[in-house]
Amino acid sequence: MDAIRAVRPAAAEALRVFRLLRKDAPNAVRLLRAIKQTGARLTIAETIDAKIAEIGPSGFKGSSGKQTRDAVFGVLAGTTAVINDYNPMAELSRIEAVLKAFTECGSEYDALEAICRMPDAERKWATSRLRQMDGDFRKFQARM
């Protein structure tokens, strides 16, 4: 629960920025979404001066009568922020809901002991939910 409390302010800020972008710069968000859907690779086509193209490498390619080359900058980071329904606060709330089932446990060891005392069906449910929550939290951290 401490980890969730520690990242909650960052999640609130990410949500605030996302809403501002969506409201104040919808065209930029739409363009970033399009880039994300094509693999999020940021590439710029650079026009080559005709004199340089005459002596340059054969890797230059023509584009409407001009010589160009692609400058690849790499994968665009932070594209999660332009997902239509991006809501890091909701992600945290789902993770927290799973952890609240173990609030009486003071430590991970206590939680493990409580799970071991559960009947088989409950134990299976608890371990499955905790594994899913762990994966969700890692995904949340990577997105932030």
N, C-alpha and C. Protein backbone atom coordinates (compact mmCIF):
# COMPACT_ATOMS: atom_id res chain seq x y z
N MET A 1 0.83 -1.20 0.00
CA MET A 1 0.00 0.00 0.00
C MET A 1 0.87 1.26 0.00
N ASP A 2 2.06 1.16 0.61
CA ASP A 2 2.95 2.32 0.63
C ASP A 2 3.39 2.69 -0.78
N ALA A 3 3.64 1.68 -1.61
CA ALA A 3 4.06 1.95 -2.99
C ALA A 3 2.96 2.67 -3.75
N ILE A 4 1.73 2.29 -3.51
CA ILE A 4 0.61 2.95 -4.19
C ILE A 4 0.47 4.39 -3.72
N ARG A 5 0.59 4.59 -2.42
CA ARG A 5 0.51 5.97 -1.89
C ARG A 5 1.64 6.83 -2.45
N ALA A 6 2.80 6.23 -2.66
CA ALA A 6 3.95 6.98 -3.16
C ALA A 6 3.77 7.42 -4.61
N VAL A 7 3.10 6.61 -5.43
CA VAL A 7 2.96 6.96 -6.84
C VAL A 7 1.64 7.67 -7.17
N ARG A 8 0.74 7.74 -6.21
CA ARG A 8 -0.56 8.37 -6.47
C ARG A 8 -0.43 9.82 -6.96
N PRO A 9 0.44 10.67 -6.37
CA PRO A 9 0.58 12.04 -6.89
C PRO A 9 1.05 12.08 -8.35
N ALA A 10 1.96 11.19 -8.72
CA ALA A 10 2.43 11.15 -10.11
C ALA A 10 1.31 10.71 -11.04
N ALA A 11 0.49 9.77 -10.59
CA ALA A 11 -0.63 9.31 -11.41
C ALA A 11 -1.66 10.43 -11.59
N ALA A 12 -1.92 11.17 -10.53
CA ALA A 12 -2.86 12.30 -10.61
C ALA A 12 -2.35 13.35 -11.59
N GLU A 13 -1.06 13.62 -11.54
CA GLU A 13 -0.46 14.61 -12.45
C GLU A 13 -0.50 14.12 -13.90
N ALA A 14 -0.23 12.84 -14.12
CA ALA A 14 -0.29 12.28 -15.47
C ALA A 14 -1.70 12.39 -16.04
N LEU A 15 -2.69 12.12 -15.21
CA LEU A 15 -4.09 12.23 -15.65
C LEU A 15 -4.44 13.68 -15.96
N ARG A 16 -3.97 14.61 -15.13
CA ARG A 16 -4.24 16.03 -15.35
C ARG A 16 -3.63 16.50 -16.68
N VAL A 17 -2.39 16.10 -16.94
CA VAL A 17 -1.71 16.49 -18.19
C VAL A 17 -2.42 15.86 -19.39
N PHE A 18 -2.82 14.59 -19.26
CA PHE A 18 -3.54 13.93 -20.35
C PHE A 18 -4.82 14.67 -20.68
N ARG A 19 -5.57 15.05 -19.68
CA ARG A 19 -6.83 15.77 -19.92
C ARG A 19 -6.59 17.13 -20.54
N LEU A 20 -5.53 17.81 -20.07
CA LEU A 20 -5.18 19.11 -20.68
C LEU A 20 -4.81 18.95 -22.15
N LEU A 21 -3.99 17.97 -22.45
CA LEU A 21 -3.60 17.72 -23.84
C LEU A 21 -4.82 17.42 -24.70
N ARG A 22 -5.67 16.55 -24.20
CA ARG A 22 -6.86 16.16 -24.96
C ARG A 22 -7.78 17.35 -25.21
N LYS A 23 -7.85 18.25 -24.23
CA LYS A 23 -8.73 19.42 -24.33
C LYS A 23 -8.09 20.53 -25.17
N ASP A 24 -6.81 20.85 -24.90
CA ASP A 24 -6.18 22.01 -25.52
C ASP A 24 -5.40 21.70 -26.80
N ALA A 25 -5.05 20.45 -27.03
CA ALA A 25 -4.28 20.10 -28.23
C ALA A 25 -4.78 18.80 -28.84
N PRO A 26 -6.06 18.74 -29.20
CA PRO A 26 -6.60 17.48 -29.73
C PRO A 26 -5.92 17.03 -31.03
N ASN A 27 -5.50 17.98 -31.85
CA ASN A 27 -4.82 17.60 -33.10
C ASN A 27 -3.49 16.93 -32.81
N ALA A 28 -2.74 17.46 -31.86
CA ALA A 28 -1.45 16.85 -31.49
C ALA A 28 -1.68 15.44 -30.93
N VAL A 29 -2.69 15.27 -30.11
CA VAL A 29 -3.00 13.95 -29.55
C VAL A 29 -3.37 12.99 -30.67
N ARG A 30 -4.17 13.45 -31.62
CA ARG A 30 -4.58 12.61 -32.74
C ARG A 30 -3.35 12.18 -33.57
N LEU A 31 -2.43 13.11 -33.82
CA LEU A 31 -1.21 12.78 -34.57
C LEU A 31 -0.33 11.80 -33.80
N LEU A 32 -0.18 12.02 -32.49
CA LEU A 32 0.61 11.10 -31.67
C LEU A 32 0.00 9.71 -31.64
N ARG A 33 -1.34 9.66 -31.61
CA ARG A 33 -2.02 8.37 -31.64
C ARG A 33 -1.73 7.64 -32.95
N ALA A 34 -1.76 8.38 -34.05
CA ALA A 34 -1.47 7.78 -35.35
C ALA A 34 -0.04 7.25 -35.39
N ILE A 35 0.90 8.00 -34.82
CA ILE A 35 2.29 7.53 -34.75
C ILE A 35 2.39 6.27 -33.90
N LYS A 36 1.67 6.25 -32.79
CA LYS A 36 1.69 5.07 -31.90
C LYS A 36 1.16 3.84 -32.62
N GLN A 37 0.11 4.01 -33.42
CA GLN A 37 -0.50 2.87 -34.11
C GLN A 37 0.40 2.31 -35.22
N THR A 38 1.37 3.09 -35.66
CA THR A 38 2.29 2.60 -36.69
C THR A 38 3.63 2.19 -36.10
N GLY A 39 3.64 1.87 -34.82
CA GLY A 39 4.85 1.36 -34.18
C GLY A 39 5.62 2.39 -33.37
N ALA A 40 5.15 3.62 -33.35
CA ALA A 40 5.74 4.71 -32.55
C ALA A 40 7.18 5.02 -32.92
N ARG A 41 7.56 4.71 -34.16
CA ARG A 41 8.91 5.03 -34.64
C ARG A 41 8.89 6.45 -35.19
N LEU A 42 9.76 7.27 -34.68
CA LEU A 42 9.85 8.65 -35.11
C LEU A 42 10.92 8.75 -36.19
N THR A 43 10.49 9.03 -37.42
CA THR A 43 11.38 9.13 -38.58
C THR A 43 11.10 10.44 -39.30
N ILE A 44 12.14 11.13 -39.66
CA ILE A 44 12.03 12.40 -40.38
C ILE A 44 12.65 12.21 -41.76
N ALA A 45 11.93 12.63 -42.81
CA ALA A 45 12.48 12.59 -44.17
C ALA A 45 13.22 13.90 -44.40
N GLU A 46 14.49 13.79 -44.71
CA GLU A 46 15.35 14.95 -44.90
C GLU A 46 15.61 15.14 -46.40
N THR A 47 15.38 16.36 -46.91
CA THR A 47 15.62 16.65 -48.32
C THR A 47 17.10 16.95 -48.52
N ILE A 48 17.69 16.34 -49.55
CA ILE A 48 19.11 16.48 -49.84
C ILE A 48 19.27 17.49 -50.98
N ASP A 49 20.19 18.39 -50.83
CA ASP A 49 20.51 19.35 -51.89
C ASP A 49 20.95 18.58 -53.13
N ALA A 50 20.52 19.02 -54.30
CA ALA A 50 20.81 18.31 -55.55
C ALA A 50 22.30 18.14 -55.79
N LYS A 51 23.11 19.14 -55.45
CA LYS A 51 24.56 19.05 -55.66
C LYS A 51 25.18 17.96 -54.79
N ILE A 52 24.72 17.86 -53.55
CA ILE A 52 25.24 16.83 -52.65
C ILE A 52 24.76 15.45 -53.09
N ALA A 53 23.53 15.37 -53.58
CA ALA A 53 22.97 14.08 -54.02
C ALA A 53 23.76 13.50 -55.17
N GLU A 54 24.31 14.37 -56.03
CA GLU A 54 25.09 13.88 -57.17
C GLU A 54 26.33 13.13 -56.73
N ILE A 55 26.94 13.56 -55.62
CA ILE A 55 28.17 12.90 -55.15
C ILE A 55 27.95 12.02 -53.93
N GLY A 56 26.73 12.03 -53.40
CA GLY A 56 26.43 11.31 -52.16
C GLY A 56 26.26 9.82 -52.37
N PRO A 57 26.00 9.12 -51.28
CA PRO A 57 25.83 7.66 -51.36
C PRO A 57 24.59 7.28 -52.15
N SER A 58 24.57 6.06 -52.61
CA SER A 58 23.44 5.59 -53.41
C SER A 58 22.21 5.31 -52.56
N GLY A 59 22.29 5.49 -51.28
CA GLY A 59 21.16 5.25 -50.38
C GLY A 59 20.10 6.33 -50.44
N PHE A 60 20.38 7.44 -51.09
CA PHE A 60 19.37 8.49 -51.22
C PHE A 60 18.25 7.99 -52.12
N LYS A 61 17.05 8.38 -51.81
CA LYS A 61 15.93 7.94 -52.64
C LYS A 61 15.15 9.15 -53.14
N GLY A 62 14.49 8.98 -54.22
CA GLY A 62 13.73 10.08 -54.81
C GLY A 62 12.34 10.17 -54.22
N SER A 63 11.87 11.38 -54.09
CA SER A 63 10.52 11.60 -53.58
C SER A 63 10.01 12.85 -54.27
N SER A 64 9.12 12.68 -55.22
CA SER A 64 8.57 13.77 -56.02
C SER A 64 9.67 14.65 -56.62
N GLY A 65 10.65 14.00 -57.23
CA GLY A 65 11.70 14.72 -57.92
C GLY A 65 12.82 15.22 -57.03
N LYS A 66 12.73 14.99 -55.74
CA LYS A 66 13.77 15.44 -54.81
C LYS A 66 14.46 14.23 -54.20
N GLN A 67 15.71 14.41 -53.84
CA GLN A 67 16.45 13.35 -53.17
C GLN A 67 16.22 13.50 -51.67
N THR A 68 15.89 12.40 -51.02
CA THR A 68 15.64 12.43 -49.57
C THR A 68 16.35 11.26 -48.90
N ARG A 69 16.50 11.38 -47.61
CA ARG A 69 16.96 10.26 -46.79
C ARG A 69 16.19 10.33 -45.48
N ASP A 70 15.99 9.17 -44.88
CA ASP A 70 15.25 9.10 -43.62
C ASP A 70 16.22 9.16 -42.45
N ALA A 71 15.91 10.03 -41.51
CA ALA A 71 16.66 10.09 -40.26
C ALA A 71 15.77 9.47 -39.19
N VAL A 72 16.17 8.31 -38.69
CA VAL A 72 15.37 7.59 -37.70
C VAL A 72 15.84 8.01 -36.31
N PHE A 73 14.91 8.53 -35.52
CA PHE A 73 15.23 8.96 -34.16
C PHE A 73 14.98 7.87 -33.14
N GLY A 74 14.21 6.87 -33.49
CA GLY A 74 13.94 5.76 -32.58
C GLY A 74 12.47 5.69 -32.22
N VAL A 75 12.19 4.93 -31.20
CA VAL A 75 10.82 4.73 -30.75
C VAL A 75 10.42 5.88 -29.84
N LEU A 76 9.27 6.43 -30.11
CA LEU A 76 8.74 7.55 -29.34
C LEU A 76 8.28 7.06 -27.96
N ALA A 77 8.84 7.63 -26.92
CA ALA A 77 8.48 7.23 -25.55
C ALA A 77 7.21 7.94 -25.10
N GLY A 78 6.52 7.36 -24.14
CA GLY A 78 5.37 8.01 -23.53
C GLY A 78 4.09 7.93 -24.33
N THR A 79 4.02 7.02 -25.30
CA THR A 79 2.82 6.96 -26.13
C THR A 79 1.60 6.42 -25.38
N THR A 80 1.81 5.84 -24.23
CA THR A 80 0.69 5.39 -23.41
C THR A 80 -0.22 6.57 -23.07
N ALA A 81 0.36 7.73 -22.92
CA ALA A 81 -0.40 8.92 -22.52
C ALA A 81 -1.40 9.36 -23.57
N VAL A 82 -1.35 8.83 -24.79
CA VAL A 82 -2.32 9.24 -25.80
C VAL A 82 -3.37 8.16 -26.07
N ILE A 83 -3.40 7.12 -25.25
CA ILE A 83 -4.46 6.12 -25.36
C ILE A 83 -5.78 6.83 -25.04
N ASN A 84 -6.81 6.49 -25.78
CA ASN A 84 -8.11 7.15 -25.62
C ASN A 84 -8.62 7.16 -24.18
N ASP A 85 -8.51 6.04 -23.51
CA ASP A 85 -9.09 5.93 -22.16
C ASP A 85 -8.01 5.85 -21.08
N TYR A 86 -6.89 6.53 -21.30
CA TYR A 86 -5.78 6.49 -20.33
C TYR A 86 -6.23 7.09 -19.00
N ASN A 87 -6.13 6.31 -17.94
CA ASN A 87 -6.51 6.80 -16.62
C ASN A 87 -5.66 6.07 -15.56
N PRO A 88 -4.49 6.64 -15.24
CA PRO A 88 -3.62 5.98 -14.27
C PRO A 88 -4.24 5.89 -12.87
N MET A 89 -5.12 6.81 -12.53
CA MET A 89 -5.77 6.75 -11.22
C MET A 89 -6.68 5.52 -11.13
N ALA A 90 -7.38 5.21 -12.21
CA ALA A 90 -8.24 4.02 -12.22
C ALA A 90 -7.40 2.75 -12.12
N GLU A 91 -6.24 2.75 -12.80
CA GLU A 91 -5.33 1.60 -12.71
C GLU A 91 -4.92 1.38 -11.26
N LEU A 92 -4.54 2.46 -10.59
CA LEU A 92 -4.12 2.34 -9.18
C LEU A 92 -5.26 1.87 -8.30
N SER A 93 -6.46 2.36 -8.56
CA SER A 93 -7.63 1.95 -7.75
C SER A 93 -7.90 0.46 -7.89
N ARG A 94 -7.75 -0.08 -9.11
CA ARG A 94 -7.94 -1.53 -9.30
C ARG A 94 -6.89 -2.33 -8.54
N ILE A 95 -5.66 -1.86 -8.57
CA ILE A 95 -4.58 -2.54 -7.85
C ILE A 95 -4.83 -2.46 -6.35
N GLU A 96 -5.22 -1.30 -5.89
CA GLU A 96 -5.48 -1.09 -4.46
C GLU A 96 -6.64 -1.95 -3.97
N ALA A 97 -7.66 -2.15 -4.80
CA ALA A 97 -8.80 -2.97 -4.40
C ALA A 97 -8.37 -4.40 -4.09
N VAL A 98 -7.42 -4.93 -4.85
CA VAL A 98 -6.91 -6.28 -4.59
C VAL A 98 -6.15 -6.30 -3.27
N LEU A 99 -5.31 -5.29 -3.06
CA LEU A 99 -4.50 -5.25 -1.84
C LEU A 99 -5.33 -5.05 -0.57
N LYS A 100 -6.48 -4.40 -0.69
CA LYS A 100 -7.32 -4.14 0.48
C LYS A 100 -7.83 -5.43 1.12
N ALA A 101 -7.84 -6.51 0.34
CA ALA A 101 -8.25 -7.79 0.91
C ALA A 101 -7.23 -8.29 1.93
N PHE A 102 -6.04 -7.71 1.92
CA PHE A 102 -4.96 -8.15 2.81
C PHE A 102 -4.51 -7.04 3.75
N THR A 103 -5.38 -6.07 4.05
CA THR A 103 -4.98 -4.94 4.90
C THR A 103 -4.67 -5.37 6.33
N GLU A 104 -5.29 -6.46 6.78
CA GLU A 104 -5.01 -6.90 8.16
C GLU A 104 -3.62 -7.51 8.30
N CYS A 105 -3.01 -7.83 7.18
CA CYS A 105 -1.67 -8.41 7.20
C CYS A 105 -0.64 -7.29 7.30
N GLY A 106 0.22 -7.37 8.27
CA GLY A 106 1.22 -6.32 8.48
C GLY A 106 2.43 -6.41 7.58
N SER A 107 2.63 -7.58 6.97
CA SER A 107 3.81 -7.76 6.12
C SER A 107 3.49 -8.76 5.02
N GLU A 108 4.42 -8.91 4.10
CA GLU A 108 4.25 -9.91 3.04
C GLU A 108 4.21 -11.32 3.65
N TYR A 109 5.01 -11.53 4.68
CA TYR A 109 5.02 -12.84 5.34
C TYR A 109 3.64 -13.14 5.94
N ASP A 110 3.03 -12.15 6.60
CA ASP A 110 1.69 -12.33 7.18
C ASP A 110 0.66 -12.64 6.08
N ALA A 111 0.78 -11.96 4.94
CA ALA A 111 -0.13 -12.19 3.82
C ALA A 111 0.04 -13.62 3.29
N LEU A 112 1.28 -14.05 3.19
CA LEU A 112 1.56 -15.42 2.73
C LEU A 112 0.96 -16.44 3.70
N GLU A 113 1.12 -16.19 4.98
CA GLU A 113 0.54 -17.09 5.99
C GLU A 113 -0.98 -17.12 5.87
N ALA A 114 -1.60 -15.96 5.67
CA ALA A 114 -3.06 -15.90 5.54
C ALA A 114 -3.52 -16.68 4.31
N ILE A 115 -2.79 -16.55 3.21
CA ILE A 115 -3.14 -17.28 1.98
C ILE A 115 -2.99 -18.78 2.19
N CYS A 116 -1.96 -19.19 2.90
CA CYS A 116 -1.74 -20.63 3.16
C CYS A 116 -2.86 -21.23 3.99
N ARG A 117 -3.47 -20.44 4.85
CA ARG A 117 -4.57 -20.94 5.69
C ARG A 117 -5.91 -20.99 4.95
N MET A 118 -5.99 -20.43 3.76
CA MET A 118 -7.24 -20.39 2.99
C MET A 118 -7.56 -21.76 2.41
N PRO A 119 -8.85 -22.04 2.21
CA PRO A 119 -9.23 -23.27 1.47
C PRO A 119 -8.68 -23.18 0.04
N ASP A 120 -8.58 -24.32 -0.62
CA ASP A 120 -7.96 -24.39 -1.95
C ASP A 120 -8.54 -23.38 -2.94
N ALA A 121 -9.84 -23.29 -3.04
CA ALA A 121 -10.46 -22.40 -4.03
C ALA A 121 -10.11 -20.94 -3.74
N GLU A 122 -10.19 -20.55 -2.48
CA GLU A 122 -9.84 -19.17 -2.10
C GLU A 122 -8.36 -18.89 -2.34
N ARG A 123 -7.53 -19.86 -1.99
CA ARG A 123 -6.09 -19.70 -2.18
C ARG A 123 -5.76 -19.50 -3.66
N LYS A 124 -6.41 -20.31 -4.52
CA LYS A 124 -6.19 -20.18 -5.95
C LYS A 124 -6.60 -18.79 -6.43
N TRP A 125 -7.78 -18.33 -5.98
CA TRP A 125 -8.25 -17.00 -6.36
C TRP A 125 -7.28 -15.92 -5.88
N ALA A 126 -6.86 -16.01 -4.62
CA ALA A 126 -5.98 -14.98 -4.04
C ALA A 126 -4.63 -14.93 -4.77
N THR A 127 -4.05 -16.09 -5.02
CA THR A 127 -2.74 -16.07 -5.69
C THR A 127 -2.87 -15.58 -7.12
N SER A 128 -3.95 -15.95 -7.78
CA SER A 128 -4.17 -15.49 -9.15
C SER A 128 -4.35 -13.97 -9.18
N ARG A 129 -5.15 -13.44 -8.27
CA ARG A 129 -5.38 -11.98 -8.22
C ARG A 129 -4.10 -11.23 -7.86
N LEU A 130 -3.32 -11.76 -6.93
CA LEU A 130 -2.07 -11.09 -6.54
C LEU A 130 -1.06 -11.11 -7.67
N ARG A 131 -0.99 -12.20 -8.40
CA ARG A 131 -0.08 -12.25 -9.56
C ARG A 131 -0.51 -11.24 -10.62
N GLN A 132 -1.82 -11.18 -10.87
CA GLN A 132 -2.34 -10.23 -11.84
C GLN A 132 -2.07 -8.80 -11.38
N MET A 133 -2.28 -8.53 -10.11
CA MET A 133 -2.04 -7.20 -9.55
C MET A 133 -0.56 -6.83 -9.65
N ASP A 134 0.32 -7.79 -9.41
CA ASP A 134 1.75 -7.54 -9.52
C ASP A 134 2.11 -7.16 -10.96
N GLY A 135 1.57 -7.90 -11.91
CA GLY A 135 1.80 -7.58 -13.32
C GLY A 135 1.23 -6.21 -13.69
N ASP A 136 0.03 -5.92 -13.17
CA ASP A 136 -0.60 -4.63 -13.45
C ASP A 136 0.23 -3.48 -12.87
N PHE A 137 0.80 -3.68 -11.69
CA PHE A 137 1.60 -2.61 -11.08
C PHE A 137 2.89 -2.41 -11.87
N ARG A 138 3.50 -3.49 -12.31
CA ARG A 138 4.72 -3.37 -13.14
C ARG A 138 4.40 -2.63 -14.44
N LYS A 139 3.27 -2.96 -15.04
CA LYS A 139 2.83 -2.29 -16.26
C LYS A 139 2.58 -0.81 -16.00
N PHE A 140 1.95 -0.52 -14.86
CA PHE A 140 1.69 0.88 -14.47
C PHE A 140 3.02 1.64 -14.33
N GLN A 141 3.99 1.01 -13.64
CA GLN A 141 5.29 1.66 -13.45
C GLN A 141 5.97 1.92 -14.79
N ALA A 142 5.91 0.96 -15.69
CA ALA A 142 6.54 1.14 -17.00
C ALA A 142 5.88 2.26 -17.79
N ARG A 143 4.59 2.39 -17.66
CA ARG A 143 3.86 3.45 -18.38
C ARG A 143 4.17 4.83 -17.84
N MET A 144 4.43 4.90 -16.55
CA MET A 144 4.68 6.21 -15.93
C MET A 144 6.09 6.65 -16.27
